[in-house]
């Protein structure tokens, strides 16, 4: 018989209908990766730009983002949860702050060919998570520039400056 430790009562982040978990990967060749993931999931990208593609997969509900970055040492770029509105981002930010988590908020930032409102948190091993909503499409890649403090904390290095989480 297993025992469980009670968890403090907290409000869960629910992914609304149309929302999905996001997985952003650094890939060596975006054309090759698009061909592979199109076959794997049986769908074509929802958005395609030079060096970039994203898939809005219905089953399983997944936003798969491919970022061409042949020099990346890690294949995982970042993780996220796409939500329906800025209100959900704001409520999530408050909930995380109330739980003592360090957050980094960005409003109306252009990132990954979209204008977004988002909040970032890092897991204990430094994996970046964003909770975000898409406000509008954008014609440029842009780049979210997390604060120098958040990046340094994530990397455990106070000399690290703000950097684009998507590149």
Protein backbone atom coordinates (compact mmCIF):
# COMPACT_ATOMS: atom_id res chain seq x y z
CA UNK A 1 0.00 0.00 0.00
CA UNK A 2 1.44 3.35 -0.96
CA UNK A 3 1.28 6.42 1.17
CA UNK A 4 1.03 9.94 -0.09
CA UNK A 5 2.17 13.15 1.44
CA UNK A 6 -0.52 15.83 1.57
CA UNK A 7 0.12 18.68 -0.83
CA UNK A 8 -0.77 22.22 0.13
CA UNK A 9 -4.07 23.15 -1.44
CA UNK A 10 -3.31 25.11 -4.58
CA UNK A 11 -5.32 26.02 -7.61
CA UNK A 12 -4.20 23.97 -10.60
CA UNK A 13 -3.30 25.49 -13.91
CA UNK A 14 -5.93 24.11 -16.22
CA UNK A 15 -5.27 24.06 -19.92
CA UNK A 16 -8.45 25.42 -21.52
CA UNK A 17 -10.09 23.91 -24.57
CA UNK A 18 -7.86 24.90 -27.47
CA UNK A 19 -4.87 25.25 -25.12
CA UNK A 20 -1.99 22.84 -25.19
CA UNK A 21 1.40 22.01 -23.74
CA UNK A 22 4.28 23.42 -25.77
CA UNK A 23 7.58 21.72 -26.53
CA UNK A 24 10.19 23.91 -28.26
CA UNK A 25 13.16 22.07 -29.74
CA UNK A 26 16.44 23.25 -31.19
CA UNK A 27 16.96 21.35 -34.45
CA UNK A 28 19.95 21.12 -36.77
CA UNK A 29 17.92 21.26 -39.99
CA UNK A 30 14.38 22.60 -39.82
CA UNK A 31 13.39 21.12 -43.22
CA UNK A 32 14.47 17.65 -42.14
CA UNK A 33 12.73 18.05 -38.76
CA UNK A 34 9.50 19.28 -40.39
CA UNK A 35 9.46 16.25 -42.68
CA UNK A 36 9.98 13.91 -39.71
CA UNK A 37 7.37 15.49 -37.42
CA UNK A 38 4.84 15.81 -40.25
CA UNK A 39 5.10 12.06 -40.75
CA UNK A 40 5.13 11.32 -37.01
CA UNK A 41 2.00 13.33 -36.16
CA UNK A 42 0.28 13.19 -39.57
CA UNK A 43 -0.09 16.98 -39.86
CA UNK A 44 1.70 19.83 -41.59
CA UNK A 45 3.04 22.85 -39.67
CA UNK A 46 0.51 25.52 -38.70
CA UNK A 47 3.19 28.19 -39.24
CA UNK A 48 6.37 28.00 -41.29
CA UNK A 49 9.10 30.65 -41.63
CA UNK A 50 12.82 30.46 -42.47
CA UNK A 51 14.50 28.49 -39.68
CA UNK A 52 11.19 28.06 -37.82
CA UNK A 53 8.08 25.89 -37.80
CA UNK A 54 5.30 25.19 -35.35
CA UNK A 55 2.70 22.47 -35.29
CA UNK A 56 -0.70 22.82 -33.60
CA UNK A 57 -1.34 19.14 -32.99
CA UNK A 58 -4.85 18.19 -31.87
CA UNK A 59 -4.10 14.69 -30.61
CA UNK A 60 -2.22 14.69 -28.37
CA UNK A 61 -2.85 18.40 -27.69
CA UNK A 62 0.63 19.75 -28.35
CA UNK A 63 2.23 22.90 -29.72
CA UNK A 64 5.51 21.65 -31.18
CA UNK A 65 7.95 24.44 -32.05
CA UNK A 66 11.08 23.77 -34.12
CA UNK A 67 13.88 26.35 -34.03
CA UNK A 68 16.78 25.84 -36.40
CA UNK A 69 19.90 26.14 -34.26
CA UNK A 70 22.58 23.72 -35.42
CA UNK A 71 25.07 25.00 -32.85
CA UNK A 72 22.82 24.40 -29.82
CA UNK A 73 24.28 22.00 -27.30
CA UNK A 74 20.83 21.16 -25.90
CA UNK A 75 17.98 19.96 -28.10
CA UNK A 76 15.38 21.24 -25.62
CA UNK A 77 14.88 24.98 -26.08
CA UNK A 78 12.03 25.52 -23.60
CA UNK A 79 8.64 24.24 -22.48
CA UNK A 80 5.36 26.02 -22.18
CA UNK A 81 1.63 26.04 -21.80
CA UNK A 82 -0.47 28.00 -24.27
CA UNK A 83 -3.57 29.47 -22.60
CA UNK A 84 -6.62 31.31 -23.88
CA UNK A 85 -6.09 34.83 -22.56
CA UNK A 86 -3.96 37.42 -20.79
CA UNK A 87 -6.30 37.02 -17.80
CA UNK A 88 -5.14 33.40 -17.44
CA UNK A 89 -1.48 34.48 -17.72
CA UNK A 90 -2.06 37.14 -15.04
CA UNK A 91 -3.87 34.73 -12.71
CA UNK A 92 -1.10 32.16 -13.17
CA UNK A 93 1.55 34.79 -12.43
CA UNK A 94 -0.21 35.68 -9.17
CA UNK A 95 -0.65 32.03 -8.18
CA UNK A 96 3.03 31.25 -8.78
CA UNK A 97 4.16 34.37 -6.89
CA UNK A 98 1.87 33.44 -3.98
CA UNK A 99 3.66 30.10 -3.85
CA UNK A 100 7.04 31.83 -3.59
CA UNK A 101 8.15 31.12 -7.15
CA UNK A 102 10.29 33.62 -9.02
CA UNK A 103 8.46 34.82 -12.13
CA UNK A 104 9.52 36.91 -15.10
CA UNK A 105 6.61 38.64 -16.86
CA UNK A 106 6.67 39.87 -20.46
CA UNK A 107 3.77 41.80 -21.97
CA UNK A 108 3.22 42.25 -25.70
CA UNK A 109 6.60 40.74 -26.60
CA UNK A 110 7.25 39.56 -30.15
CA UNK A 111 8.60 36.02 -30.02
CA UNK A 112 8.42 33.12 -32.45
CA UNK A 113 6.50 35.10 -35.08
CA UNK A 114 3.75 36.07 -32.63
CA UNK A 115 2.96 38.87 -30.20
CA UNK A 116 2.48 37.32 -26.76
CA UNK A 117 1.83 38.01 -23.10
CA UNK A 118 3.69 35.52 -20.91
CA UNK A 119 5.20 34.60 -17.60
CA UNK A 120 8.38 32.53 -17.22
CA UNK A 121 9.46 30.22 -14.41
CA UNK A 122 12.39 27.82 -14.23
CA UNK A 123 12.27 24.34 -12.79
CA UNK A 124 14.88 23.28 -10.20
CA UNK A 125 17.19 22.05 -12.98
CA UNK A 126 16.92 25.27 -14.98
CA UNK A 127 14.40 24.17 -17.63
CA UNK A 128 12.50 27.26 -18.76
CA UNK A 129 8.68 27.13 -18.75
CA UNK A 130 6.46 29.83 -20.22
CA UNK A 131 2.74 30.25 -19.67
CA UNK A 132 1.61 32.39 -22.60
CA UNK A 133 -1.19 33.61 -24.82
CA UNK A 134 -0.87 34.67 -28.44
CA UNK A 135 -2.23 38.16 -29.05
CA UNK A 136 -1.45 38.47 -32.77
CA UNK A 137 0.62 37.03 -35.59
CA UNK A 138 3.94 38.76 -36.36
CA UNK A 139 6.10 38.93 -39.47
CA UNK A 140 9.40 38.72 -37.57
CA UNK A 141 10.91 36.10 -35.29
CA UNK A 142 11.50 38.58 -32.51
CA UNK A 143 12.81 37.16 -29.31
CA UNK A 144 11.77 37.14 -25.75
CA UNK A 145 14.47 38.77 -23.67
CA UNK A 146 14.20 37.43 -20.18
CA UNK A 147 15.58 39.67 -17.50
CA UNK A 148 19.26 39.33 -16.64
CA UNK A 149 18.28 38.29 -13.11
CA UNK A 150 15.99 35.49 -14.31
CA UNK A 151 18.56 34.19 -16.79
CA UNK A 152 21.35 34.34 -14.22
CA UNK A 153 19.24 32.50 -11.67
CA UNK A 154 18.30 29.84 -14.24
CA UNK A 155 21.94 29.36 -15.18
CA UNK A 156 23.30 29.76 -11.66
CA UNK A 157 25.64 32.43 -13.00
CA UNK A 158 25.38 36.09 -12.06
CA UNK A 159 27.36 37.13 -15.14
CA UNK A 160 24.71 35.88 -17.55
CA UNK A 161 22.69 38.65 -19.23
CA UNK A 162 19.21 38.54 -20.71
CA UNK A 163 18.98 36.27 -23.71
CA UNK A 164 16.37 35.12 -26.13
CA UNK A 165 14.82 31.90 -24.85
CA UNK A 166 13.73 30.98 -28.37
CA UNK A 167 17.10 31.08 -30.10
